[in-house]
Structure formats: structure tokens, C-alpha cells
Amino acid sequence: HGLWIAEKERLWLVDPARVGTRRQSVLRVWGIRKPIFGSTAVLRGDRIGLVHFRTAPRSRITWFRIEDLLAPGVLDLEGERRDPSQVAPVDTARVPGSAQGLAYRPGHHGLLVSAYRRGCGVVIAADGTTIDVMPGIEDFEFTRDNRLWVLSESSSRVYQRKVGPLTPM
């Protein structure tokens, strides 16, 4: 479909091939309405899951069918559908708190969550197993050939001023 970008109150679908060209790169944009919030997103088959960053021990992932989002006239993601311009979730589940990134690996660990824990980043598997990773991890993704790409804020000037240099820039 393109590149999905989640923020607190909007979900974007962008055509990466058009970014930086004179052609319109935003294909669609949806409003995210309370009680649902975005911060990070993950694709799993025909669904997209949204998680809001919360420092509480637990948060929730809210799942939507991509087909429902792409239907003509759909403008908002809501807790329940009140009119044809809204789409409601098809499922919710608990996830660890402080979720900053999500990845889904079928046949491996299922849903993986990156989070901040005591000055370090961790990846938390569905079974609760944690793997220490670099500080400042924001998001991560596995490629089809099993490579891991990580987005970290630890090399940003703001992070370095707050915390100090923890990883190479």
C-alpha cells in the first residue's frame, strides 16, 4: 500500500517513490479519535495495529482491517463506528507499556515491542522474553532477508544534551 506513518492523532499512507518529487506523496490520511491514540504502528497480514506511548506497565494495541481503512469515504478511526466515514477496531490486546516501536515476525516471536527501560532499550517478545538493545530505540523492522533496521534517537543533539553520548553518531 505504501509507507504507513502513525502519530498521536493521525495515520498517514505515503508513497515512498513520490517523496522528494513534485508529485503528491500523501495517498491518504485519517484522523485518530479518542479513546484511540497512535504513536507507533505495525502491519500483520491484512491488519494494522496502533499503540499509544504510555509509561504505565501496560498499554493496548488496537487492530484495524486495512481493507476497512482504504474504503472510499473513510476519514476517521474511532472506538465505534457511528457513520460511514468512521472505522472501528476489529480487536484489541494488551502490550507492554512504554512501547516505542513494533514489529511482527510470523513464525518467530510474533509481535515484538521496543521499549525504554532504565536507560537502555529493550525488545520484548510476546512470551515476555526481553533482549537488551541500544539506548534511544524508537522503532525497528525486519526485512524479508532477516536483517534488522533500527531507528534510534540516541545520536540526536537533544538526546545527547539530556543523557550524554551513549552510541556513535
N, C-alpha and C. Protein backbone atom coordinates (compact mmCIF):
# COMPACT_ATOMS: atom_id res chain seq x y z
N HIS A 1 0.81 -1.21 0.00
CA HIS A 1 0.00 0.00 0.00
C HIS A 1 0.84 1.26 0.00
N GLY A 2 2.03 1.18 0.61
CA GLY A 2 2.90 2.34 0.74
C GLY A 2 3.52 2.34 2.13
N LEU A 3 3.95 3.49 2.58
CA LEU A 3 4.55 3.65 3.89
C LEU A 3 3.50 4.18 4.86
N TRP A 4 3.25 3.44 5.93
CA TRP A 4 2.29 3.84 6.96
C TRP A 4 3.04 4.62 8.04
N ILE A 5 2.53 5.77 8.43
CA ILE A 5 3.14 6.59 9.47
C ILE A 5 2.07 6.92 10.51
N ALA A 6 2.37 6.58 11.77
CA ALA A 6 1.42 6.84 12.85
C ALA A 6 1.92 7.97 13.72
N GLU A 7 1.03 8.85 14.08
CA GLU A 7 1.29 9.85 15.10
C GLU A 7 0.10 9.84 16.03
N LYS A 8 0.11 10.63 17.07
CA LYS A 8 -0.91 10.54 18.11
C LYS A 8 -2.34 10.65 17.57
N GLU A 9 -2.59 11.60 16.69
CA GLU A 9 -3.95 11.83 16.23
C GLU A 9 -4.16 11.68 14.73
N ARG A 10 -3.17 11.11 14.03
CA ARG A 10 -3.31 10.90 12.59
C ARG A 10 -2.59 9.63 12.15
N LEU A 11 -3.11 9.01 11.12
CA LEU A 11 -2.47 7.89 10.44
C LEU A 11 -2.32 8.29 8.98
N TRP A 12 -1.11 8.17 8.47
CA TRP A 12 -0.79 8.58 7.12
C TRP A 12 -0.43 7.37 6.26
N LEU A 13 -0.76 7.44 4.99
CA LEU A 13 -0.29 6.48 4.00
C LEU A 13 0.42 7.29 2.92
N VAL A 14 1.72 7.01 2.75
CA VAL A 14 2.57 7.80 1.87
C VAL A 14 3.17 6.89 0.80
N ASP A 15 3.33 7.42 -0.39
CA ASP A 15 4.02 6.70 -1.47
C ASP A 15 5.50 7.07 -1.40
N PRO A 16 6.36 6.15 -0.95
CA PRO A 16 7.78 6.48 -0.80
C PRO A 16 8.45 6.89 -2.11
N ALA A 17 7.96 6.38 -3.24
CA ALA A 17 8.56 6.71 -4.54
C ALA A 17 8.32 8.18 -4.91
N ARG A 18 7.32 8.79 -4.32
CA ARG A 18 6.99 10.18 -4.65
C ARG A 18 7.62 11.19 -3.69
N VAL A 19 8.13 10.73 -2.54
CA VAL A 19 8.72 11.65 -1.57
C VAL A 19 9.92 12.34 -2.21
N GLY A 20 9.97 13.66 -2.09
CA GLY A 20 11.07 14.43 -2.67
C GLY A 20 10.88 14.77 -4.13
N THR A 21 9.74 14.40 -4.70
CA THR A 21 9.45 14.76 -6.09
C THR A 21 8.35 15.82 -6.08
N ARG A 22 7.95 16.25 -7.24
CA ARG A 22 6.87 17.25 -7.34
C ARG A 22 5.49 16.60 -7.28
N ARG A 23 5.46 15.29 -7.25
CA ARG A 23 4.18 14.58 -7.21
C ARG A 23 3.70 14.46 -5.77
N GLN A 24 2.41 14.44 -5.57
CA GLN A 24 1.80 14.31 -4.24
C GLN A 24 2.21 12.98 -3.61
N SER A 25 2.88 13.01 -2.45
CA SER A 25 3.34 11.77 -1.82
C SER A 25 2.34 11.20 -0.83
N VAL A 26 1.46 12.03 -0.27
CA VAL A 26 0.47 11.55 0.70
C VAL A 26 -0.71 10.96 -0.08
N LEU A 27 -0.93 9.66 0.12
CA LEU A 27 -2.02 8.98 -0.57
C LEU A 27 -3.34 9.11 0.19
N ARG A 28 -3.27 8.96 1.52
CA ARG A 28 -4.45 9.08 2.39
C ARG A 28 -4.00 9.52 3.77
N VAL A 29 -4.92 10.13 4.50
CA VAL A 29 -4.68 10.48 5.89
C VAL A 29 -5.99 10.31 6.64
N TRP A 30 -5.91 9.75 7.84
CA TRP A 30 -7.07 9.51 8.68
C TRP A 30 -6.88 10.19 10.03
N GLY A 31 -7.95 10.66 10.62
CA GLY A 31 -7.90 11.15 11.99
C GLY A 31 -8.03 9.97 12.94
N ILE A 32 -7.31 10.03 14.05
CA ILE A 32 -7.42 9.02 15.10
C ILE A 32 -8.14 9.69 16.26
N ARG A 33 -9.30 9.19 16.64
CA ARG A 33 -10.14 9.84 17.64
C ARG A 33 -10.14 9.07 18.96
N LYS A 34 -10.26 9.82 20.06
CA LYS A 34 -10.34 9.21 21.39
C LYS A 34 -11.44 8.18 21.42
N PRO A 35 -11.26 7.09 22.11
CA PRO A 35 -10.21 6.75 23.07
C PRO A 35 -8.97 6.12 22.43
N ILE A 36 -8.88 6.12 21.11
CA ILE A 36 -7.74 5.52 20.42
C ILE A 36 -6.70 6.61 20.17
N PHE A 37 -5.46 6.26 20.35
CA PHE A 37 -4.35 7.15 20.00
C PHE A 37 -3.31 6.33 19.28
N GLY A 38 -2.55 6.99 18.43
CA GLY A 38 -1.44 6.34 17.78
C GLY A 38 -0.14 6.83 18.38
N SER A 39 0.90 6.18 18.15
CA SER A 39 2.28 6.59 18.42
C SER A 39 3.17 5.75 17.53
N THR A 40 2.82 4.47 17.46
CA THR A 40 3.56 3.55 16.62
C THR A 40 2.58 2.56 16.00
N ALA A 41 2.98 1.97 14.89
CA ALA A 41 2.09 1.07 14.16
C ALA A 41 2.85 -0.17 13.71
N VAL A 42 2.08 -1.22 13.45
CA VAL A 42 2.65 -2.47 12.94
C VAL A 42 1.66 -3.10 11.98
N LEU A 43 2.17 -3.71 10.93
CA LEU A 43 1.33 -4.46 9.99
C LEU A 43 1.42 -5.94 10.32
N ARG A 44 0.26 -6.60 10.30
CA ARG A 44 0.20 -8.05 10.50
C ARG A 44 -0.85 -8.59 9.54
N GLY A 45 -0.40 -9.13 8.44
CA GLY A 45 -1.33 -9.65 7.44
C GLY A 45 -2.20 -8.53 6.88
N ASP A 46 -3.51 -8.68 7.04
CA ASP A 46 -4.46 -7.70 6.50
C ASP A 46 -4.86 -6.66 7.53
N ARG A 47 -4.09 -6.55 8.63
CA ARG A 47 -4.43 -5.60 9.70
C ARG A 47 -3.27 -4.67 10.03
N ILE A 48 -3.64 -3.51 10.58
CA ILE A 48 -2.65 -2.59 11.12
C ILE A 48 -3.00 -2.36 12.59
N GLY A 49 -1.99 -2.42 13.44
CA GLY A 49 -2.19 -2.21 14.87
C GLY A 49 -1.56 -0.91 15.31
N LEU A 50 -2.24 -0.17 16.18
CA LEU A 50 -1.76 1.10 16.71
C LEU A 50 -1.59 1.00 18.21
N VAL A 51 -0.48 1.54 18.72
CA VAL A 51 -0.23 1.59 20.15
C VAL A 51 0.13 3.03 20.51
N HIS A 52 -0.44 3.52 21.60
CA HIS A 52 -0.12 4.84 22.12
C HIS A 52 0.97 4.71 23.16
N PHE A 53 1.98 5.57 23.11
CA PHE A 53 3.05 5.53 24.10
C PHE A 53 2.49 5.91 25.47
N ARG A 54 2.67 5.02 26.43
CA ARG A 54 2.28 5.26 27.82
C ARG A 54 3.37 4.68 28.71
N THR A 55 3.72 5.40 29.77
CA THR A 55 4.75 4.89 30.68
C THR A 55 4.19 3.90 31.69
N ALA A 56 2.89 3.67 31.67
CA ALA A 56 2.28 2.68 32.56
C ALA A 56 2.83 1.29 32.22
N PRO A 57 2.72 0.34 33.17
CA PRO A 57 3.23 -1.02 32.90
C PRO A 57 2.59 -1.69 31.69
N ARG A 58 1.35 -1.34 31.39
CA ARG A 58 0.65 -1.96 30.26
C ARG A 58 0.02 -0.89 29.37
N SER A 59 -0.07 -1.22 28.10
CA SER A 59 -0.78 -0.39 27.14
C SER A 59 -1.67 -1.32 26.32
N ARG A 60 -2.30 -0.80 25.27
CA ARG A 60 -3.17 -1.61 24.42
C ARG A 60 -2.80 -1.39 22.97
N ILE A 61 -2.90 -2.47 22.20
CA ILE A 61 -2.79 -2.37 20.75
C ILE A 61 -4.20 -2.48 20.20
N THR A 62 -4.52 -1.60 19.28
CA THR A 62 -5.84 -1.58 18.66
C THR A 62 -5.67 -1.94 17.19
N TRP A 63 -6.36 -2.99 16.77
CA TRP A 63 -6.22 -3.52 15.41
C TRP A 63 -7.35 -3.07 14.51
N PHE A 64 -7.00 -2.66 13.28
CA PHE A 64 -7.96 -2.27 12.24
C PHE A 64 -7.68 -3.09 10.99
N ARG A 65 -8.73 -3.42 10.25
CA ARG A 65 -8.55 -4.07 8.95
C ARG A 65 -8.15 -3.00 7.93
N ILE A 66 -7.09 -3.27 7.19
CA ILE A 66 -6.62 -2.32 6.18
C ILE A 66 -7.70 -2.09 5.13
N GLU A 67 -8.40 -3.14 4.77
CA GLU A 67 -9.49 -3.02 3.79
C GLU A 67 -10.53 -2.00 4.25
N ASP A 68 -10.86 -2.01 5.56
CA ASP A 68 -11.82 -1.04 6.09
C ASP A 68 -11.29 0.39 5.99
N LEU A 69 -9.99 0.57 6.29
CA LEU A 69 -9.39 1.90 6.22
C LEU A 69 -9.38 2.45 4.80
N LEU A 70 -9.11 1.57 3.83
CA LEU A 70 -8.99 2.00 2.44
C LEU A 70 -10.33 2.16 1.74
N ALA A 71 -11.42 1.84 2.41
CA ALA A 71 -12.74 2.00 1.79
C ALA A 71 -12.98 3.48 1.46
N PRO A 72 -13.64 3.76 0.35
CA PRO A 72 -13.91 5.15 -0.03
C PRO A 72 -14.71 5.87 1.07
N GLY A 73 -14.32 7.10 1.33
CA GLY A 73 -15.06 7.94 2.28
C GLY A 73 -14.68 7.77 3.74
N VAL A 74 -13.82 6.81 4.08
CA VAL A 74 -13.42 6.62 5.47
C VAL A 74 -12.39 7.68 5.84
N LEU A 75 -12.68 8.44 6.90
CA LEU A 75 -11.84 9.56 7.30
C LEU A 75 -11.24 9.41 8.70
N ASP A 76 -11.92 8.64 9.57
CA ASP A 76 -11.51 8.60 10.98
C ASP A 76 -11.49 7.19 11.54
N LEU A 77 -10.56 6.95 12.46
CA LEU A 77 -10.52 5.72 13.24
C LEU A 77 -11.17 6.06 14.58
N GLU A 78 -12.19 5.33 14.95
CA GLU A 78 -12.97 5.61 16.15
C GLU A 78 -13.06 4.36 17.02
N GLY A 79 -13.48 4.54 18.26
CA GLY A 79 -13.72 3.41 19.15
C GLY A 79 -14.89 2.57 18.69
N GLU A 80 -15.89 3.23 18.09
CA GLU A 80 -17.02 2.52 17.50
C GLU A 80 -17.50 3.30 16.28
N ARG A 81 -18.05 2.59 15.32
CA ARG A 81 -18.48 3.22 14.08
C ARG A 81 -19.87 3.83 14.26
N ARG A 82 -19.95 5.14 14.02
CA ARG A 82 -21.23 5.84 14.13
C ARG A 82 -21.78 6.25 12.77
N ASP A 83 -20.89 6.39 11.77
CA ASP A 83 -21.32 6.72 10.41
C ASP A 83 -20.31 6.16 9.41
N PRO A 84 -20.63 6.17 8.12
CA PRO A 84 -19.77 5.54 7.11
C PRO A 84 -18.37 6.15 6.98
N SER A 85 -18.14 7.36 7.50
CA SER A 85 -16.82 7.96 7.40
C SER A 85 -15.88 7.48 8.52
N GLN A 86 -16.38 6.62 9.40
CA GLN A 86 -15.60 6.13 10.52
C GLN A 86 -15.38 4.62 10.40
N VAL A 87 -14.27 4.17 10.97
CA VAL A 87 -13.99 2.75 11.02
C VAL A 87 -13.67 2.40 12.47
N ALA A 88 -14.17 1.26 12.91
CA ALA A 88 -13.97 0.80 14.29
C ALA A 88 -12.94 -0.33 14.31
N PRO A 89 -12.30 -0.53 15.46
CA PRO A 89 -11.32 -1.61 15.56
C PRO A 89 -11.98 -2.98 15.46
N VAL A 90 -11.19 -3.96 15.04
CA VAL A 90 -11.68 -5.34 14.99
C VAL A 90 -11.17 -6.15 16.17
N ASP A 91 -10.18 -5.60 16.90
CA ASP A 91 -9.64 -6.31 18.05
C ASP A 91 -8.75 -5.38 18.86
N THR A 92 -8.55 -5.71 20.13
CA THR A 92 -7.57 -5.03 20.98
C THR A 92 -6.87 -6.09 21.82
N ALA A 93 -5.68 -5.76 22.29
CA ALA A 93 -4.94 -6.68 23.16
C ALA A 93 -3.98 -5.86 24.01
N ARG A 94 -3.52 -6.47 25.10
CA ARG A 94 -2.55 -5.81 25.96
C ARG A 94 -1.15 -5.95 25.39
N VAL A 95 -0.35 -4.89 25.59
CA VAL A 95 1.07 -4.91 25.23
C VAL A 95 1.84 -4.24 26.36
N PRO A 96 3.15 -4.45 26.41
CA PRO A 96 3.94 -3.78 27.45
C PRO A 96 3.85 -2.26 27.33
N GLY A 97 3.96 -1.56 28.47
CA GLY A 97 3.97 -0.10 28.46
C GLY A 97 5.28 0.43 27.90
N SER A 98 5.33 1.72 27.68
CA SER A 98 6.49 2.42 27.11
C SER A 98 6.86 1.90 25.73
N ALA A 99 5.88 1.39 24.99
CA ALA A 99 6.12 0.88 23.63
C ALA A 99 6.48 2.05 22.71
N GLN A 100 7.64 1.93 22.07
CA GLN A 100 8.08 2.96 21.15
C GLN A 100 8.12 2.47 19.72
N GLY A 101 8.17 1.16 19.54
CA GLY A 101 8.20 0.60 18.20
C GLY A 101 7.62 -0.80 18.23
N LEU A 102 7.16 -1.25 17.08
CA LEU A 102 6.54 -2.57 16.96
C LEU A 102 7.04 -3.25 15.69
N ALA A 103 7.18 -4.55 15.75
CA ALA A 103 7.48 -5.34 14.56
C ALA A 103 6.76 -6.67 14.71
N TYR A 104 6.39 -7.26 13.61
CA TYR A 104 5.71 -8.56 13.63
C TYR A 104 6.52 -9.54 12.81
N ARG A 105 6.84 -10.69 13.41
CA ARG A 105 7.59 -11.73 12.72
C ARG A 105 6.82 -13.04 12.80
N PRO A 106 6.04 -13.36 11.79
CA PRO A 106 5.32 -14.62 11.82
C PRO A 106 6.30 -15.79 11.87
N GLY A 107 5.96 -16.79 12.67
CA GLY A 107 6.79 -17.97 12.77
C GLY A 107 8.01 -17.80 13.65
N HIS A 108 8.22 -16.62 14.18
CA HIS A 108 9.37 -16.40 15.07
C HIS A 108 8.86 -16.07 16.47
N HIS A 109 8.72 -14.80 16.75
CA HIS A 109 8.30 -14.37 18.08
C HIS A 109 6.96 -13.65 18.07
N GLY A 110 6.29 -13.58 16.94
CA GLY A 110 5.02 -12.86 16.86
C GLY A 110 5.26 -11.36 16.96
N LEU A 111 4.46 -10.71 17.77
CA LEU A 111 4.56 -9.26 17.95
C LEU A 111 5.73 -8.94 18.88
N LEU A 112 6.61 -8.08 18.43
CA LEU A 112 7.76 -7.63 19.22
C LEU A 112 7.59 -6.14 19.50
N VAL A 113 7.92 -5.72 20.70
CA VAL A 113 7.76 -4.33 21.13
C VAL A 113 9.11 -3.79 21.56
N SER A 114 9.50 -2.62 21.04
CA SER A 114 10.69 -1.96 21.56
C SER A 114 10.23 -0.96 22.60
N ALA A 115 10.99 -0.88 23.70
CA ALA A 115 10.60 0.00 24.81
C ALA A 115 11.85 0.53 25.50
N TYR A 116 11.63 1.52 26.32
CA TYR A 116 12.69 2.14 27.10
C TYR A 116 12.61 1.59 28.52
N ARG A 117 13.72 1.07 29.02
CA ARG A 117 13.78 0.53 30.38
C ARG A 117 15.07 0.96 31.05
N ARG A 118 15.01 1.76 32.09
CA ARG A 118 16.16 2.15 32.91
C ARG A 118 17.40 2.53 32.10
N GLY A 119 17.26 3.48 31.19
CA GLY A 119 18.41 3.98 30.46
C GLY A 119 18.84 3.15 29.28
N CYS A 120 18.16 2.05 29.02
CA CYS A 120 18.52 1.19 27.91
C CYS A 120 17.27 0.85 27.11
N GLY A 121 17.45 0.46 25.89
CA GLY A 121 16.33 -0.01 25.10
C GLY A 121 16.22 -1.52 25.20
N VAL A 122 15.00 -2.01 25.11
CA VAL A 122 14.78 -3.45 25.10
C VAL A 122 13.77 -3.79 24.01
N VAL A 123 13.86 -5.01 23.53
CA VAL A 123 12.83 -5.58 22.67
C VAL A 123 12.17 -6.67 23.48
N ILE A 124 10.84 -6.62 23.53
CA ILE A 124 10.07 -7.56 24.35
C ILE A 124 9.25 -8.44 23.41
N ALA A 125 9.45 -9.75 23.52
CA ALA A 125 8.70 -10.71 22.72
C ALA A 125 7.35 -10.99 23.37
N ALA A 126 6.45 -11.60 22.62
CA ALA A 126 5.10 -11.90 23.11
C ALA A 126 5.14 -12.79 24.35
N ASP A 127 6.16 -13.63 24.48
CA ASP A 127 6.25 -14.52 25.66
C ASP A 127 6.89 -13.84 26.87
N GLY A 128 7.25 -12.53 26.73
CA GLY A 128 7.84 -11.80 27.84
C GLY A 128 9.35 -11.76 27.83
N THR A 129 9.98 -12.52 26.94
CA THR A 129 11.44 -12.51 26.84
C THR A 129 11.90 -11.11 26.44
N THR A 130 12.95 -10.59 27.10
CA THR A 130 13.49 -9.28 26.74
C THR A 130 14.90 -9.42 26.21
N ILE A 131 15.22 -8.58 25.25
CA ILE A 131 16.55 -8.52 24.65
C ILE A 131 17.03 -7.09 24.77
N ASP A 132 18.15 -6.88 25.44
CA ASP A 132 18.71 -5.54 25.56
C ASP A 132 19.22 -5.08 24.19
N VAL A 133 18.89 -3.84 23.86
CA VAL A 133 19.35 -3.25 22.60
C VAL A 133 19.87 -1.85 22.89
N MET A 134 20.19 -1.12 21.87
CA MET A 134 20.80 0.20 22.02
C MET A 134 19.87 1.19 22.73
N PRO A 135 20.44 2.15 23.44
CA PRO A 135 19.63 3.20 24.07
C PRO A 135 18.93 4.02 23.00
N GLY A 136 17.80 4.59 23.34
CA GLY A 136 17.11 5.50 22.44
C GLY A 136 16.37 4.85 21.31
N ILE A 137 16.19 3.53 21.34
CA ILE A 137 15.50 2.85 20.24
C ILE A 137 14.08 3.40 20.13
N GLU A 138 13.73 3.82 18.93
CA GLU A 138 12.40 4.35 18.67
C GLU A 138 11.55 3.33 17.93
N ASP A 139 12.13 2.70 16.93
CA ASP A 139 11.37 1.72 16.16
C ASP A 139 12.37 0.78 15.50
N PHE A 140 11.85 -0.33 14.99
CA PHE A 140 12.71 -1.32 14.35
C PHE A 140 11.85 -2.14 13.39
N GLU A 141 12.52 -2.77 12.44
CA GLU A 141 11.81 -3.58 11.45
C GLU A 141 12.75 -4.63 10.91
N PHE A 142 12.21 -5.79 10.61
CA PHE A 142 12.96 -6.86 9.97
C PHE A 142 12.66 -6.83 8.48
N THR A 143 13.69 -7.01 7.67
CA THR A 143 13.50 -7.08 6.23
C THR A 143 13.18 -8.52 5.84
N ARG A 144 12.79 -8.72 4.60
CA ARG A 144 12.46 -10.08 4.13
C ARG A 144 13.66 -11.02 4.23
N ASP A 145 14.88 -10.47 4.11
CA ASP A 145 16.08 -11.32 4.21
C ASP A 145 16.62 -11.37 5.64
N ASN A 146 15.77 -11.04 6.62
CA ASN A 146 16.06 -11.21 8.04
C ASN A 146 17.09 -10.22 8.60
N ARG A 147 17.23 -9.07 7.96
CA ARG A 147 18.09 -8.03 8.51
C ARG A 147 17.25 -7.15 9.43
N LEU A 148 17.91 -6.59 10.43
CA LEU A 148 17.23 -5.74 11.39
C LEU A 148 17.63 -4.28 11.16
N TRP A 149 16.63 -3.42 10.95
CA TRP A 149 16.85 -1.98 10.84
C TRP A 149 16.32 -1.34 12.11
N VAL A 150 17.09 -0.43 12.69
CA VAL A 150 16.71 0.22 13.94
C VAL A 150 16.76 1.73 13.77
N LEU A 151 15.76 2.40 14.30
CA LEU A 151 15.73 3.86 14.34
C LEU A 151 15.95 4.26 15.79
N SER A 152 16.98 5.06 16.04
CA SER A 152 17.31 5.46 17.40
C SER A 152 17.43 6.97 17.48
N GLU A 153 17.01 7.51 18.61
CA GLU A 153 17.16 8.94 18.83
C GLU A 153 18.45 9.25 19.59
N SER A 154 19.23 8.24 19.94
CA SER A 154 20.39 8.44 20.82
C SER A 154 21.50 9.27 20.18
N SER A 155 21.50 9.41 18.87
CA SER A 155 22.52 10.24 18.24
C SER A 155 22.03 11.67 17.99
N SER A 156 20.79 11.98 18.36
CA SER A 156 20.27 13.33 18.14
C SER A 156 20.87 14.29 19.16
N ARG A 157 20.97 15.54 18.77
CA ARG A 157 21.54 16.55 19.67
C ARG A 157 20.73 16.68 20.96
N VAL A 158 19.42 16.64 20.86
CA VAL A 158 18.57 16.77 22.04
C VAL A 158 18.84 15.64 23.02
N TYR A 159 18.90 14.41 22.53
CA TYR A 159 19.15 13.24 23.39
C TYR A 159 20.55 13.35 24.00
N GLN A 160 21.53 13.74 23.19
CA GLN A 160 22.91 13.84 23.69
C GLN A 160 23.02 14.91 24.78
N ARG A 161 22.29 16.03 24.65
CA ARG A 161 22.31 17.06 25.68
C ARG A 161 21.67 16.58 26.97
N LYS A 162 20.58 15.82 26.85
CA LYS A 162 19.87 15.31 28.03
C LYS A 162 20.63 14.19 28.73
N VAL A 163 21.08 13.21 27.96
CA VAL A 163 21.59 11.97 28.51
C VAL A 163 23.10 11.85 28.37
N GLY A 164 23.65 12.43 27.34
CA GLY A 164 25.07 12.27 27.07
C GLY A 164 25.27 11.29 25.93
N PRO A 165 26.47 11.26 25.37
CA PRO A 165 26.72 10.36 24.23
C PRO A 165 26.74 8.90 24.70
N LEU A 166 25.83 8.11 24.14
CA LEU A 166 25.74 6.69 24.50
C LEU A 166 26.03 5.77 23.32
N THR A 167 25.81 6.27 22.12
CA THR A 167 26.06 5.46 20.93
C THR A 167 26.75 6.32 19.90
N PRO A 168 27.47 5.73 18.96
CA PRO A 168 28.12 6.52 17.91
C PRO A 168 27.07 7.24 17.07
N MET A 169 27.46 8.41 16.55
CA MET A 169 26.54 9.17 15.69
C MET A 169 26.78 8.79 14.25
